[in-house]
Amino acid sequence: MKSKSFKKQFVVTFIKILLLSFIFSFLSFFIWIRVFDHISYPANYYEKQIADIVESINENYDNVLDKSFENKMNEIIPHKGVLYQVLNKDGNIVYGTLNKKVIEDKKELVTNINSTKSFNRTSFARIIPILDKDDNIKGAVVLSYKLVSTQKTSNTVLFLLAKSMIFLPFIFIIMFTFIYAKKLSKEINKPVNILLNASEKIKNQDLDFTIEYNENNEFTKLCNAFEDMRVNLKDSLIKQWDLEEKRRENIANIAHDLKTPLTIVSTYSEALIDDTVKEEKFKDYIEVIKRNNERALILLEDMNKISNIENPNFILEPVEINIVKFLKLKEKDFKLLCEEKGINFKIDIIDSREKKFINKFDIKSIEEILDNCISNSIRYTEKGESIKLNILCNDEDIKFSIIDTGKGFSNEDLKNLFNKFYKGDKSRSFTTGHSGLGMYIAKTIVEKHGGNIKAYNNNPKGAIIEFNIKPKHDTIC
């Protein structure tokens, strides 16, 4: 049976302790009452005997005043529970077992005759008159007794146990509190020890464990939260390790990509310095040096862009601009690039906005996205083929589609196109100035704009890249 919440357990345990203490105390008192007559006299035991003592005294009349009657008086009065004094009519003690004077003089004797004097809440003295056969008062007997329970059994230990019955409820409460506290402590210690062990493992950088605790109490939530923290921490560390691995891969890729052009620049420069190059080859060597220098600069520029956009402090810098006018200006740039390679270029802009806004865009970033996507299409589109840029302006966002009739994407391309340093055609490498960072930069900037980008193949041939960006509306133009 699953445990209840600790709050309920505390309440139930408290009730159990009180209930069990009450039951055991009741049973103990019941047993004590049943055996009481064998252990103790009741508090009024000797008080009840006063009537019989008085009757015996009255039967002996004034013979009681004779000191020779003392032995018989000791038989009449129980020595343990009742002390007595025999007084003459002047209030003087004749004999008795009570040494302390109760009646001071004759006047006090007359005043208190046939009465009971109280000394405290438990001690009393009954003054009994001594009469002759003519019913004349000749003296008095003082009977002193206490209203307290007195020992009956000769077993002192048993008597003391009976006297301590009043403390039994407290004893039972302490006993059951100890029992249930130990039981509750054991239940609490289990999850506490689990959490302590888990903390120690995390301290030792060990995250390959599972916290298993499934009871119906508050510690289950705590253990589940701790387990979630462990999983998240492990995932975070794995991501950190992956990032670190990617960082090392990036550095290796940068070093590799820079090594080739810089080696070529160094080799050709040394040849020129050593004056081993024929004069008619000078121009070719210089062009090679210039081209490879540009290749290195492209990579460094792209790395600088990545460093900026991946910086947590990177923010967009939107400015007010008529996006349609801007796109029509870019059309000229793209047509010029395509004409150089013999590619047909067409742009189609549909403005379906209900109100014509001057929107705010980070225009430099958008230009970067378009340049990278169009350049990618130009790179893999042959002479005589076509590239089309479709743009749909909505109030919510602006959708871009770059459609070409080039060679399209391979399955590997579709998986890795937006990854860092991915080059679809490994044989091309840097021959066309391709760093493998352009599409990654485009994807990152699109996501900074709250949009998304995707790529897939065109039918019957070619490739399509689609993305959207979200503007910030300001004033109506």
Protein backbone atom coordinates (compact mmCIF):
# COMPACT_ATOMS: atom_id res chain seq x y z
CA MET A 1 0.00 0.00 0.00
CA LYS A 2 1.43 3.34 -1.00
CA SER A 3 2.22 5.92 1.66
CA LYS A 4 0.10 8.98 2.20
CA SER A 5 1.51 12.46 2.07
CA PHE A 6 3.68 13.29 5.05
CA LYS A 7 1.23 15.98 6.10
CA LYS A 8 -1.52 13.36 6.35
CA GLN A 9 0.87 10.90 7.97
CA PHE A 10 1.73 13.41 10.70
CA VAL A 11 -1.96 14.06 11.39
CA VAL A 12 -2.86 10.34 11.35
CA THR A 13 0.15 9.48 13.52
CA PHE A 14 -0.79 12.16 16.06
CA ILE A 15 -4.35 10.81 16.22
CA LYS A 16 -3.06 7.23 16.56
CA ILE A 17 -0.76 8.23 19.42
CA LEU A 18 -3.59 9.92 21.32
CA LEU A 19 -6.07 7.12 20.59
CA LEU A 20 -3.74 4.29 21.55
CA SER A 21 -2.61 6.17 24.66
CA PHE A 22 -6.24 6.64 25.65
CA ILE A 23 -7.12 2.98 25.04
CA PHE A 24 -4.11 1.63 26.94
CA SER A 25 -4.64 4.12 29.76
CA PHE A 26 -8.31 3.13 30.01
CA LEU A 27 -7.40 -0.56 30.10
CA SER A 28 -4.72 0.10 32.71
CA PHE A 29 -7.13 2.06 34.89
CA PHE A 30 -9.73 -0.66 34.48
CA ILE A 31 -7.25 -3.32 35.57
CA TRP A 32 -6.07 -1.11 38.42
CA ILE A 33 -9.62 -0.62 39.69
CA ARG A 34 -10.21 -4.37 39.52
CA VAL A 35 -7.15 -5.12 41.65
CA PHE A 36 -7.29 -1.94 43.73
CA ASP A 37 -8.72 -3.70 46.82
CA HIS A 38 -5.68 -5.96 46.86
CA ILE A 39 -3.21 -3.08 46.68
CA SER A 40 -4.58 0.02 48.45
CA TYR A 41 -7.30 1.24 50.75
CA PRO A 42 -9.52 3.94 49.32
CA ALA A 43 -8.98 7.48 50.60
CA ASN A 44 -12.12 7.33 52.81
CA TYR A 45 -11.41 3.85 54.12
CA TYR A 46 -10.60 4.97 57.71
CA GLU A 47 -13.22 7.67 57.72
CA LYS A 48 -15.87 4.98 57.19
CA GLN A 49 -14.59 3.15 60.29
CA ILE A 50 -15.14 6.17 62.55
CA ALA A 51 -18.80 5.21 63.12
CA ASP A 52 -17.84 1.73 64.40
CA ILE A 53 -15.12 3.18 66.61
CA VAL A 54 -17.58 5.68 68.13
CA GLU A 55 -20.05 2.86 68.80
CA SER A 56 -17.36 0.80 70.59
CA ILE A 57 -16.31 3.83 72.67
CA ASN A 58 -19.89 4.56 73.68
CA GLU A 59 -20.37 0.95 74.80
CA ASN A 60 -17.55 1.35 77.35
CA TYR A 61 -18.84 4.66 78.80
CA ASP A 62 -16.39 6.49 81.05
CA ASN A 63 -14.21 3.41 81.44
CA VAL A 64 -12.38 4.78 78.45
CA LEU A 65 -10.89 7.50 80.69
CA ASP A 66 -9.06 4.90 82.75
CA LYS A 67 -5.48 4.50 81.51
CA SER A 68 -5.81 0.75 82.00
CA PHE A 69 -8.25 0.82 79.08
CA GLU A 70 -5.44 1.84 76.71
CA ASN A 71 -4.72 -1.67 75.44
CA LYS A 72 -8.33 -2.29 74.62
CA MET A 73 -8.56 1.13 72.95
CA ASN A 74 -5.61 0.18 70.77
CA GLU A 75 -7.58 -2.86 69.66
CA ILE A 76 -10.67 -0.79 68.90
CA ILE A 77 -8.82 1.86 66.86
CA PRO A 78 -6.69 0.71 63.84
CA HIS A 79 -3.26 2.03 64.66
CA LYS A 80 -2.10 2.50 61.02
CA GLY A 81 -4.93 4.65 59.77
CA VAL A 82 -6.34 6.43 62.84
CA LEU A 83 -4.51 8.15 65.72
CA TYR A 84 -6.33 9.10 68.88
CA GLN A 85 -6.18 11.05 72.14
CA VAL A 86 -8.26 10.40 75.21
CA LEU A 87 -8.99 13.72 76.97
CA ASN A 88 -10.50 14.39 80.38
CA LYS A 89 -13.22 17.00 80.78
CA ASP A 90 -10.57 19.73 81.20
CA GLY A 91 -9.09 18.92 77.72
CA ASN A 92 -5.93 17.31 79.08
CA ILE A 93 -4.48 14.21 77.39
CA VAL A 94 -4.88 11.04 79.42
CA TYR A 95 -3.32 8.67 76.88
CA GLY A 96 -3.33 7.92 73.14
CA THR A 97 -1.28 7.49 69.98
CA LEU A 98 -1.56 11.11 68.85
CA ASN A 99 1.02 13.21 70.70
CA LYS A 100 0.20 16.58 69.12
CA LYS A 101 -2.39 18.43 71.14
CA VAL A 102 -5.56 19.08 69.18
CA ILE A 103 -7.72 20.64 71.95
CA GLU A 104 -6.03 23.35 74.03
CA ASP A 105 -8.42 23.73 76.96
CA LYS A 106 -11.81 22.93 78.42
CA LYS A 107 -13.53 25.75 76.61
CA GLU A 108 -12.29 24.58 73.21
CA LEU A 109 -13.30 21.03 74.14
CA VAL A 110 -16.86 22.11 74.88
CA THR A 111 -16.97 24.18 71.69
CA ASN A 112 -15.77 21.39 69.37
CA ILE A 113 -17.47 18.38 70.98
CA ASN A 114 -19.21 16.17 68.37
CA SER A 115 -17.52 18.09 65.53
CA THR A 116 -14.79 17.50 62.95
CA LYS A 117 -11.76 19.79 62.77
CA SER A 118 -9.92 20.22 59.47
CA PHE A 119 -6.16 20.80 59.49
CA ASN A 120 -5.66 20.78 55.69
CA ARG A 121 -7.33 19.29 52.64
CA THR A 122 -6.59 15.71 53.72
CA SER A 123 -6.12 15.75 57.53
CA PHE A 124 -9.13 15.75 59.89
CA ALA A 125 -9.92 15.17 63.60
CA ARG A 126 -13.29 13.99 64.99
CA ILE A 127 -14.00 14.94 68.65
CA ILE A 128 -16.14 12.19 70.24
CA PRO A 129 -17.65 12.78 73.73
CA ILE A 130 -17.12 10.22 76.54
CA LEU A 131 -20.39 9.75 78.43
CA ASP A 132 -21.18 8.01 81.71
CA LYS A 133 -24.24 5.87 82.14
CA ASP A 134 -26.27 8.97 82.99
CA ASP A 135 -25.16 10.59 79.70
CA ASN A 136 -22.95 13.15 81.40
CA ILE A 137 -19.86 14.26 79.47
CA LYS A 138 -16.75 13.07 81.29
CA GLY A 139 -14.21 13.74 78.57
CA ALA A 140 -13.60 13.19 74.85
CA VAL A 141 -11.76 11.08 72.35
CA VAL A 142 -9.99 12.84 69.44
CA LEU A 143 -9.81 10.59 66.33
CA SER A 144 -7.27 11.84 63.75
CA TYR A 145 -7.34 10.44 60.18
CA LYS A 146 -6.48 11.37 56.60
CA LEU A 147 -8.48 11.15 53.40
CA VAL A 148 -5.67 9.55 51.32
CA SER A 149 -5.21 6.15 49.75
CA THR A 150 -2.99 3.98 51.92
CA GLN A 151 -1.01 0.87 51.23
CA LYS A 152 -2.79 -2.42 51.77
CA THR A 153 -0.35 -4.87 50.20
CA SER A 154 2.97 -5.68 51.77
CA ASN A 155 4.59 -5.41 48.30
CA THR A 156 5.92 -1.85 48.24
CA VAL A 157 6.87 -1.97 44.55
CA LEU A 158 3.34 -2.97 43.59
CA PHE A 159 1.95 -0.22 45.74
CA LEU A 160 4.22 2.39 44.15
CA LEU A 161 3.19 1.20 40.69
CA ALA A 162 -0.43 1.63 41.68
CA LYS A 163 0.31 5.13 42.97
CA SER A 164 1.96 6.03 39.65
CA MET A 165 -1.13 5.15 37.63
CA ILE A 166 -1.87 8.84 37.20
CA PHE A 167 1.24 9.15 35.03
CA LEU A 168 0.29 6.26 32.74
CA PRO A 169 -1.32 8.43 29.98
CA PHE A 170 1.87 10.47 29.71
CA ILE A 171 4.00 7.32 29.70
CA PHE A 172 1.89 5.82 26.92
CA ILE A 173 2.05 9.07 24.91
CA ILE A 174 5.86 9.12 25.19
CA MET A 175 6.09 5.41 24.32
CA PHE A 176 3.84 5.57 21.23
CA THR A 177 5.43 8.85 20.11
CA PHE A 178 8.84 7.16 20.16
CA ILE A 179 7.52 4.12 18.22
CA TYR A 180 5.76 6.13 15.51
CA ALA A 181 8.54 8.72 15.31
CA LYS A 182 11.01 5.92 14.60
CA LYS A 183 8.71 4.51 11.91
CA LEU A 184 8.12 7.92 10.32
CA SER A 185 11.81 8.73 10.50
CA LYS A 186 12.57 5.53 8.57
CA GLU A 187 10.13 6.55 5.82
CA ILE A 188 11.62 10.05 5.62
CA ASN A 189 15.21 8.81 5.64
CA LYS A 190 14.67 6.72 2.50
CA PRO A 191 14.07 9.64 0.07
CA VAL A 192 16.49 11.87 1.97
CA ASN A 193 19.28 9.31 1.54
CA ILE A 194 18.37 8.93 -2.15
CA LEU A 195 18.70 12.69 -2.64
CA LEU A 196 21.93 12.87 -0.63
CA ASN A 197 23.47 10.06 -2.70
CA ALA A 198 22.32 11.77 -5.90
CA SER A 199 23.85 15.07 -4.75
CA GLU A 200 27.12 13.32 -4.01
CA LYS A 201 27.17 11.73 -7.48
CA ILE A 202 26.46 15.05 -9.17
CA LYS A 203 29.23 16.60 -7.05
CA ASN A 204 31.55 13.91 -8.44
CA GLN A 205 30.34 14.70 -12.01
CA ASP A 206 28.50 11.40 -12.28
CA LEU A 207 25.16 11.89 -14.05
CA ASP A 208 24.64 8.33 -15.24
CA PHE A 209 22.09 7.30 -12.64
CA THR A 210 18.33 7.43 -12.10
CA ILE A 211 16.41 8.62 -9.06
CA GLU A 212 13.64 6.12 -8.41
CA TYR A 213 11.16 6.99 -5.68
CA ASN A 214 7.44 6.60 -6.26
CA GLU A 215 5.36 7.08 -3.15
CA ASN A 216 2.30 9.20 -2.55
CA ASN A 217 4.03 11.95 -0.57
CA GLU A 218 5.80 15.27 -0.92
CA PHE A 219 9.23 13.70 -1.41
CA THR A 220 8.06 12.11 -4.67
CA LYS A 221 7.64 15.58 -6.20
CA LEU A 222 11.03 16.61 -4.83
CA CYS A 223 12.71 13.46 -6.19
CA ASN A 224 10.98 13.90 -9.56
CA ALA A 225 12.14 17.52 -9.69
CA PHE A 226 15.66 16.40 -8.79
CA GLU A 227 15.53 13.74 -11.51
CA ASP A 228 14.34 16.33 -14.04
CA MET A 229 17.20 18.58 -12.96
CA ARG A 230 19.65 15.70 -13.42
CA VAL A 231 18.29 14.92 -16.90
CA ASN A 232 18.35 18.59 -17.90
CA LEU A 233 21.83 19.00 -16.48
CA LYS A 234 23.02 15.94 -18.37
CA ASP A 235 21.38 17.19 -21.57
CA SER A 236 22.93 20.59 -21.01
CA LEU A 237 26.36 19.06 -20.54
CA ILE A 238 25.90 16.89 -23.62
CA LYS A 239 24.93 19.99 -25.59
CA GLN A 240 27.92 21.78 -24.15
CA TRP A 241 30.17 18.90 -25.14
CA ASP A 242 28.58 18.88 -28.62
CA LEU A 243 29.11 22.63 -28.92
CA GLU A 244 32.69 22.20 -27.82
CA GLU A 245 33.13 19.42 -30.37
CA LYS A 246 31.57 21.60 -33.06
CA ARG A 247 33.80 24.45 -32.01
CA ARG A 248 36.85 22.23 -32.47
CA GLU A 249 35.47 21.06 -35.81
CA ASN A 250 34.87 24.67 -36.84
CA ILE A 251 38.41 25.61 -35.95
CA ALA A 252 39.69 22.59 -37.87
CA ASN A 253 37.51 23.53 -40.87
CA ILE A 254 38.67 27.14 -40.76
CA ALA A 255 42.27 26.03 -40.52
CA HIS A 256 41.74 23.60 -43.41
CA ASP A 257 39.92 26.13 -45.60
CA LEU A 258 42.46 28.85 -44.90
CA LYS A 259 45.43 26.57 -45.36
CA THR A 260 44.87 25.96 -49.07
CA PRO A 261 44.62 29.59 -50.28
CA LEU A 262 47.31 30.79 -47.88
CA THR A 263 49.64 27.99 -48.96
CA ILE A 264 49.06 28.91 -52.60
CA VAL A 265 49.67 32.60 -51.83
CA SER A 266 52.85 31.71 -49.93
CA THR A 267 54.13 29.35 -52.67
CA TYR A 268 53.48 31.76 -55.53
CA SER A 269 54.86 34.72 -53.55
CA GLU A 270 58.10 32.85 -52.82
CA ALA A 271 58.41 31.98 -56.51
CA LEU A 272 58.10 35.67 -57.41
CA ILE A 273 60.57 36.69 -54.71
CA ASP A 274 63.09 34.03 -55.82
CA ASP A 275 62.82 35.41 -59.38
CA THR A 276 62.29 31.93 -60.78
CA VAL A 277 59.14 32.88 -62.70
CA LYS A 278 59.33 33.77 -66.35
CA GLU A 279 58.23 37.29 -67.16
CA GLU A 280 55.25 36.17 -69.25
CA LYS A 281 53.95 34.20 -66.19
CA PHE A 282 54.05 37.17 -63.79
CA LYS A 283 50.45 38.18 -64.46
CA ASP A 284 49.17 34.62 -64.03
CA TYR A 285 50.99 34.26 -60.70
CA ILE A 286 49.65 37.56 -59.41
CA GLU A 287 46.10 36.63 -60.45
CA VAL A 288 46.42 33.34 -58.57
CA ILE A 289 47.68 35.17 -55.48
CA LYS A 290 44.84 37.71 -55.74
CA ARG A 291 42.18 35.03 -56.22
CA ASN A 292 43.32 32.94 -53.25
CA ASN A 293 43.68 36.03 -51.10
CA GLU A 294 40.04 36.83 -51.92
CA ARG A 295 39.07 33.25 -51.01
CA ALA A 296 40.69 33.67 -47.57
CA LEU A 297 39.02 37.06 -47.10
CA ILE A 298 35.60 35.56 -47.96
CA LEU A 299 36.03 32.92 -45.26
CA LEU A 300 37.23 35.44 -42.67
CA GLU A 301 34.35 37.78 -43.51
CA ASP A 302 31.83 34.93 -43.16
CA MET A 303 33.38 33.90 -39.84
CA ASN A 304 33.11 37.47 -38.63
CA LYS A 305 29.40 37.50 -39.60
CA ILE A 306 28.82 34.22 -37.74
CA SER A 307 30.59 35.57 -34.67
CA ASN A 308 28.28 38.57 -34.69
CA ILE A 309 24.96 36.81 -35.25
CA GLU A 310 25.74 34.00 -32.78
CA ASN A 311 26.64 36.48 -30.07
CA PRO A 312 23.92 36.46 -27.35
CA ASN A 313 24.05 40.26 -27.40
CA PHE A 314 23.31 40.40 -31.13
CA ILE A 315 20.18 42.43 -31.88
CA LEU A 316 18.46 43.35 -35.13
CA GLU A 317 18.64 46.96 -36.24
CA PRO A 318 15.34 47.59 -38.06
CA VAL A 319 14.85 50.81 -40.01
CA GLU A 320 11.76 52.17 -41.77
CA ILE A 321 11.78 51.16 -45.40
CA ASN A 322 9.40 50.43 -48.26
CA ILE A 323 10.23 46.77 -48.73
CA VAL A 324 8.73 46.58 -52.23
CA LYS A 325 10.93 49.41 -53.51
CA PHE A 326 13.96 47.80 -51.90
CA LEU A 327 13.24 44.45 -53.58
CA LYS A 328 12.86 46.07 -56.99
CA LEU A 329 16.31 47.65 -56.56
CA LYS A 330 17.80 44.25 -55.64
CA GLU A 331 16.27 42.82 -58.82
CA LYS A 332 18.81 44.76 -60.85
CA ASP A 333 21.74 43.32 -58.88
CA PHE A 334 20.51 39.75 -59.24
CA LYS A 335 19.82 40.14 -62.98
CA LEU A 336 23.35 41.40 -63.51
CA LEU A 337 24.84 38.40 -61.64
CA CYS A 338 22.70 35.96 -63.60
CA GLU A 339 23.46 37.57 -66.98
CA GLU A 340 27.20 37.09 -66.37
CA LYS A 341 26.55 33.33 -66.24
CA GLY A 342 23.86 33.26 -68.93
CA ILE A 343 21.04 32.49 -66.48
CA ASN A 344 17.54 33.90 -66.89
CA PHE A 345 16.35 35.76 -63.80
CA LYS A 346 12.83 36.89 -62.96
CA ILE A 347 11.28 38.46 -59.85
CA ASP A 348 7.57 38.39 -59.04
CA ILE A 349 6.29 40.57 -56.15
CA ILE A 350 2.71 40.23 -54.86
CA ASP A 351 1.68 42.81 -52.27
CA SER A 352 -1.52 41.52 -50.61
CA ARG A 353 -1.37 43.76 -47.57
CA GLU A 354 -4.67 45.42 -46.81
CA LYS A 355 -2.90 48.56 -45.65
CA LYS A 356 0.34 49.72 -47.12
CA PHE A 357 2.71 50.08 -44.22
CA ILE A 358 6.17 51.50 -44.02
CA ASN A 359 7.59 48.51 -42.16
CA LYS A 360 10.70 48.28 -40.07
CA PHE A 361 13.28 45.74 -41.24
CA ASP A 362 16.92 45.03 -40.56
CA ILE A 363 17.52 45.60 -44.24
CA LYS A 364 21.21 44.65 -44.15
CA SER A 365 20.34 41.26 -42.70
CA ILE A 366 17.59 40.64 -45.26
CA GLU A 367 19.96 41.60 -48.05
CA GLU A 368 22.48 39.11 -46.61
CA ILE A 369 19.87 36.32 -46.70
CA LEU A 370 18.84 37.04 -50.27
CA ASP A 371 22.44 37.36 -51.49
CA ASN A 372 23.40 34.01 -49.94
CA CYS A 373 20.32 32.17 -51.25
CA ILE A 374 20.54 33.62 -54.78
CA SER A 375 24.30 33.00 -54.86
CA ASN A 376 23.67 29.37 -53.91
CA SER A 377 21.18 29.00 -56.78
CA ILE A 378 23.54 30.68 -59.26
CA ARG A 379 26.37 28.39 -58.13
CA TYR A 380 24.47 25.25 -59.13
CA THR A 381 22.44 26.54 -62.09
CA GLU A 382 23.90 26.09 -65.56
CA LYS A 383 23.88 28.51 -68.49
CA GLY A 384 20.50 28.74 -70.20
CA GLU A 385 18.59 27.70 -67.04
CA SER A 386 16.48 30.06 -64.93
CA ILE A 387 16.11 31.43 -61.41
CA LYS A 388 12.88 32.96 -60.16
CA LEU A 389 12.34 34.97 -56.99
CA ASN A 390 8.72 35.00 -55.78
CA ILE A 391 7.79 37.40 -52.97
CA LEU A 392 4.44 37.54 -51.16
CA CYS A 393 3.90 40.51 -48.84
CA ASN A 394 1.30 39.89 -46.11
CA ASP A 395 0.42 41.96 -43.08
CA GLU A 396 1.86 39.25 -40.82
CA ASP A 397 5.06 38.42 -42.72
CA ILE A 398 6.84 38.41 -46.05
CA LYS A 399 7.41 35.07 -47.80
CA PHE A 400 10.31 34.49 -50.19
CA SER A 401 10.73 31.61 -52.64
CA ILE A 402 13.91 31.14 -54.73
CA ILE A 403 13.16 28.62 -57.50
CA ASP A 404 15.83 27.45 -59.95
CA THR A 405 16.08 24.81 -62.67
CA GLY A 406 19.59 23.78 -61.70
CA LYS A 407 20.82 20.38 -60.55
CA GLY A 408 18.78 20.36 -57.31
CA PHE A 409 19.69 18.90 -53.94
CA SER A 410 20.92 15.45 -53.04
CA ASN A 411 19.61 13.71 -49.93
CA GLU A 412 22.79 14.68 -48.14
CA ASP A 413 22.28 18.31 -49.20
CA LEU A 414 18.78 18.39 -47.74
CA LYS A 415 20.08 17.07 -44.42
CA ASN A 416 23.07 19.37 -44.12
CA LEU A 417 22.42 22.41 -46.30
CA PHE A 418 22.05 24.81 -43.35
CA ASN A 419 24.96 23.37 -41.35
CA LYS A 420 28.27 25.18 -40.92
CA PHE A 421 30.96 24.49 -43.50
CA TYR A 422 28.75 22.21 -45.58
CA LYS A 423 29.71 22.17 -49.25
CA GLY A 424 27.39 20.16 -51.44
CA ASP A 425 29.98 19.49 -54.13
CA LYS A 426 33.19 18.59 -52.29
CA SER A 427 35.21 18.75 -55.51
CA ARG A 428 34.36 22.46 -55.92
CA SER A 429 35.57 23.39 -52.45
CA PHE A 430 36.84 26.92 -52.72
CA THR A 431 37.17 27.11 -56.48
CA THR A 432 34.06 29.26 -56.69
CA GLY A 433 34.67 31.18 -53.48
CA HIS A 434 32.24 28.97 -51.61
CA SER A 435 33.02 28.87 -47.84
CA GLY A 436 30.19 26.56 -46.76
CA LEU A 437 28.86 29.21 -44.36
CA GLY A 438 26.41 31.18 -46.49
CA MET A 439 23.29 29.08 -45.93
CA TYR A 440 24.06 28.72 -42.23
CA ILE A 441 24.26 32.51 -41.96
CA ALA A 442 20.97 32.84 -43.88
CA LYS A 443 19.21 30.35 -41.56
CA THR A 444 20.48 32.07 -38.41
CA ILE A 445 19.37 35.53 -39.57
CA VAL A 446 15.93 34.24 -40.64
CA GLU A 447 15.41 32.74 -37.17
CA LYS A 448 16.48 36.03 -35.59
CA HIS A 449 13.59 37.59 -37.53
CA GLY A 450 11.17 35.04 -36.02
CA GLY A 451 10.83 33.14 -39.30
CA ASN A 452 11.99 29.80 -40.66
CA ILE A 453 13.75 28.58 -43.77
CA LYS A 454 13.55 25.28 -45.67
CA ALA A 455 14.84 23.72 -48.86
CA TYR A 456 13.51 21.01 -51.17
CA ASN A 457 13.74 19.92 -54.81
CA ASN A 458 11.75 21.45 -57.63
CA ASN A 459 9.71 19.36 -60.06
CA PRO A 460 10.83 18.24 -62.65
CA LYS A 461 14.30 19.59 -61.74
CA GLY A 462 16.03 22.27 -59.78
CA ALA A 463 15.83 23.45 -56.19
CA ILE A 464 13.57 25.63 -54.05
CA ILE A 465 14.51 27.63 -50.96
CA GLU A 466 11.70 29.26 -48.98
CA PHE A 467 11.83 31.53 -45.96
CA ASN A 468 9.75 34.18 -44.25
CA ILE A 469 10.46 37.22 -42.09
CA LYS A 470 8.20 39.17 -39.78
CA PRO A 471 8.14 42.97 -40.04
CA LYS A 472 7.45 45.58 -37.37
CA HIS A 473 4.57 47.84 -38.39
CA ASP A 474 4.89 51.55 -37.69
CA THR A 475 3.13 54.24 -39.69
CA ILE A 476 0.80 54.11 -42.69
CA CYS A 477 2.33 55.54 -45.83
